[in-house]
Protein backbone atom coordinates (compact mmCIF):
# COMPACT_ATOMS: atom_id res chain seq x y z
CA MET A 1 0.00 0.00 0.00
CA PRO A 2 1.25 3.50 -0.67
CA TYR A 3 1.25 4.47 2.97
CA GLU A 4 3.39 3.57 5.94
CA TRP A 5 3.01 3.84 9.71
CA ILE A 6 6.18 4.80 11.51
CA THR A 7 6.31 3.11 14.91
CA ALA A 8 6.72 5.00 18.18
CA ASP A 9 10.15 3.51 18.88
CA ARG A 10 11.52 5.18 15.73
CA LEU A 11 9.97 8.58 16.51
CA LYS A 12 11.06 11.35 18.85
CA GLY A 13 8.16 12.11 21.19
CA ALA A 14 5.38 11.22 18.75
CA LYS A 15 2.96 8.37 19.34
CA ALA A 16 2.56 7.56 15.65
CA GLU A 17 3.33 8.99 12.23
CA LEU A 18 1.69 8.13 8.94
CA HIS A 19 3.20 8.83 5.50
CA LEU A 20 0.91 8.65 2.44
CA TRP A 21 1.84 9.03 -1.22
CA PRO A 22 0.19 8.25 -4.59
CA TYR A 23 0.81 4.87 -6.17
CA ARG A 24 3.16 4.89 -9.17
CA SER A 25 2.33 2.14 -11.64
CA LEU A 26 5.21 3.17 -13.90
CA PRO A 27 8.47 3.57 -11.96
CA ARG A 28 11.34 5.60 -13.43
CA ARG A 29 13.12 2.46 -14.61
CA GLY A 30 9.97 1.39 -16.47
CA PHE A 31 9.70 4.87 -17.97
CA VAL A 32 13.21 4.51 -19.47
CA TRP A 33 12.27 1.12 -20.94
CA LEU A 34 8.98 2.47 -22.31
CA MET A 35 10.69 5.40 -24.02
CA ALA A 36 13.40 3.14 -25.47
CA LEU A 37 10.84 0.68 -26.83
CA LEU A 38 8.69 3.49 -28.21
CA ALA A 39 11.71 5.10 -29.91
CA CYS A 40 12.69 1.77 -31.48
CA GLY A 41 9.11 1.06 -32.54
CA LEU A 42 8.76 4.48 -34.14
CA ALA A 43 12.13 4.14 -35.88
CA VAL A 44 11.26 0.86 -37.65
CA PRO A 45 8.97 2.47 -40.28
CA LEU A 46 11.65 5.08 -41.00
CA PHE A 47 14.12 2.44 -42.23
CA ALA A 48 12.01 1.99 -45.37
CA PHE A 49 12.48 5.66 -46.25
CA ILE A 50 16.23 6.05 -45.70
CA GLY A 51 17.60 7.95 -48.67
CA HIS A 52 14.21 9.32 -49.71
CA VAL A 53 12.87 12.84 -49.30
CA ILE A 54 9.71 11.54 -47.57
CA LEU A 55 11.87 10.60 -44.55
CA TRP A 56 11.97 14.30 -43.66
CA LEU A 57 8.17 14.39 -43.63
CA PHE A 58 7.78 11.45 -41.23
CA LEU A 59 10.76 12.18 -38.96
CA PRO A 60 9.35 15.36 -37.30
CA ILE A 61 5.98 13.69 -36.76
CA LEU A 62 7.52 10.64 -35.07
CA LEU A 63 9.92 12.76 -33.00
CA GLY A 64 7.02 14.99 -31.98
CA THR A 65 5.06 11.93 -30.87
CA LEU A 66 8.00 10.73 -28.81
CA GLY A 67 8.42 14.19 -27.29
CA LEU A 68 4.73 14.48 -26.38
CA VAL A 69 4.68 11.06 -24.69
CA TRP A 70 7.80 12.08 -22.73
CA TYR A 71 6.25 15.42 -21.73
CA PHE A 72 2.92 14.00 -20.55
CA ILE A 73 4.48 11.18 -18.52
CA GLU A 74 6.87 13.66 -16.89
CA ARG A 75 3.88 15.92 -16.16
CA SER A 76 2.14 12.98 -14.53
CA TYR A 77 5.20 12.37 -12.34
CA LYS A 78 5.24 16.04 -11.27
CA ASP A 79 1.50 16.04 -10.49
CA GLY A 80 1.96 12.89 -8.40
CA GLU A 81 4.60 14.40 -6.11
CA ILE A 82 2.28 14.41 -3.12
CA LEU A 83 3.27 13.48 0.40
CA GLU A 84 0.87 13.62 3.32
CA VAL A 85 2.30 13.22 6.83
CA LEU A 86 0.02 12.70 9.81
CA THR A 87 1.80 13.05 13.17
CA LEU A 88 0.05 12.08 16.40
CA THR A 89 1.31 13.08 19.82
CA ALA A 90 -0.48 13.08 23.16
CA ASP A 91 -1.52 16.71 22.80
CA GLN A 92 -1.57 17.41 19.06
CA ILE A 93 -2.42 15.88 15.71
CA THR A 94 -0.79 17.47 12.67
CA LEU A 95 -1.48 16.80 9.00
CA THR A 96 0.93 18.31 6.47
CA ARG A 97 0.50 17.99 2.73
CA ASP A 98 3.27 18.76 0.29
CA GLY A 99 1.79 18.85 -3.18
CA PRO A 100 3.02 19.32 -6.71
CA ARG A 101 5.01 22.41 -7.63
CA GLY A 102 5.76 23.36 -4.01
CA ALA A 103 2.20 23.55 -2.65
CA HIS A 104 2.16 23.15 1.14
CA SER A 105 -0.69 23.03 3.64
CA GLU A 106 -0.90 22.18 7.31
CA TRP A 107 -3.68 21.41 9.80
CA GLN A 108 -3.43 20.95 13.56
CA ALA A 109 -5.88 19.99 16.28
CA ASN A 110 -6.18 18.37 19.68
CA PRO A 111 -6.40 14.59 19.09
CA TYR A 112 -8.99 14.18 21.83
CA TRP A 113 -11.53 16.17 19.81
CA VAL A 114 -10.62 14.86 16.35
CA THR A 115 -13.05 12.56 14.57
CA VAL A 116 -12.43 10.47 11.48
CA GLU A 117 -15.27 10.40 8.95
CA ARG A 118 -15.73 8.12 5.97
CA HIS A 119 -18.13 9.44 3.35
CA LYS A 120 -19.25 6.43 1.32
CA THR A 121 -20.95 8.72 -1.19
CA GLY A 122 -21.07 12.45 -1.72
CA GLY A 123 -17.32 13.05 -1.75
CA PRO A 124 -15.10 13.52 -4.78
CA VAL A 125 -14.19 9.82 -4.55
CA PRO A 126 -15.95 6.79 -2.99
CA ASP A 127 -15.07 6.18 0.67
CA TYR A 128 -13.74 9.72 1.03
CA ILE A 129 -11.92 10.10 4.38
CA THR A 130 -11.82 13.34 6.35
CA LEU A 131 -10.47 14.41 9.73
CA GLN A 132 -12.60 16.87 11.67
CA GLY A 133 -11.32 19.00 14.51
CA ASP A 134 -10.53 22.55 15.59
CA GLY A 135 -13.43 23.84 13.51
CA ARG A 136 -12.12 22.46 10.21
CA GLU A 137 -12.53 19.35 8.13
CA VAL A 138 -9.59 18.18 6.01
CA GLU A 139 -9.25 15.31 3.56
CA ILE A 140 -6.67 12.60 3.86
CA GLY A 141 -5.61 10.01 1.31
CA ALA A 142 -7.99 11.06 -1.49
CA PHE A 143 -5.43 9.79 -4.03
CA LEU A 144 -5.53 6.23 -2.64
CA SER A 145 -7.45 3.51 -4.47
CA GLU A 146 -10.98 2.43 -3.53
CA ASP A 147 -9.63 -0.67 -1.80
CA GLU A 148 -7.02 1.22 0.22
CA ARG A 149 -9.21 3.99 1.65
CA PRO A 150 -11.41 1.73 3.87
CA VAL A 151 -8.27 0.05 5.26
CA LEU A 152 -6.75 3.46 6.00
CA TYR A 153 -10.01 4.51 7.69
CA GLU A 154 -9.89 1.50 10.04
CA ASP A 155 -6.19 2.13 10.78
CA LEU A 156 -6.87 5.79 11.61
CA LEU A 157 -9.74 4.88 13.91
CA GLN A 158 -7.61 2.35 15.78
CA VAL A 159 -4.62 4.67 16.20
CA LEU A 160 -6.83 7.55 17.36
CA ARG A 161 -8.54 5.22 19.87
CA ASP A 162 -5.11 4.18 21.18
CA VAL A 163 -3.94 7.79 21.54
CA LYS A 164 -7.19 8.88 23.22
CA SER A 165 -7.08 5.96 25.66
CA HIS A 166 -3.63 7.06 26.87
CA LEU A 167 -4.71 10.65 27.59
């Protein structure tokens, strides 16, 4: 799953810490292979036109195709540079979100008053998860898959119960 709980023994003063990030179905190594295979596949038809004037008609089109695929996959990587960090201590819960192109947001509340809500319908995605506290409601893990959000919801409920029971 594209999230990880950091245990209390590895943290300094925090009870728990959660890191969430979007799933990448095409890692960088796969991207290199895809571009190499695409370049080879686009070059094969050009071999028939070596020495002909028509080569110069097809070459810019095929190079443009290769460049556009490169651009849009790189754009997808940039848009997917999201990291959400939820830190729970005895007296504070903090959610920070670092988004694409340097976007940063932060939310803090007292964990005793925080509630976790799962909106099965009505949110931008099914099983939309929000944290409510300190007069605000913030989303968490909206980029996770439909199967991962209910599991995250149960994990959040359990960890919050544990923190509240030790107050």
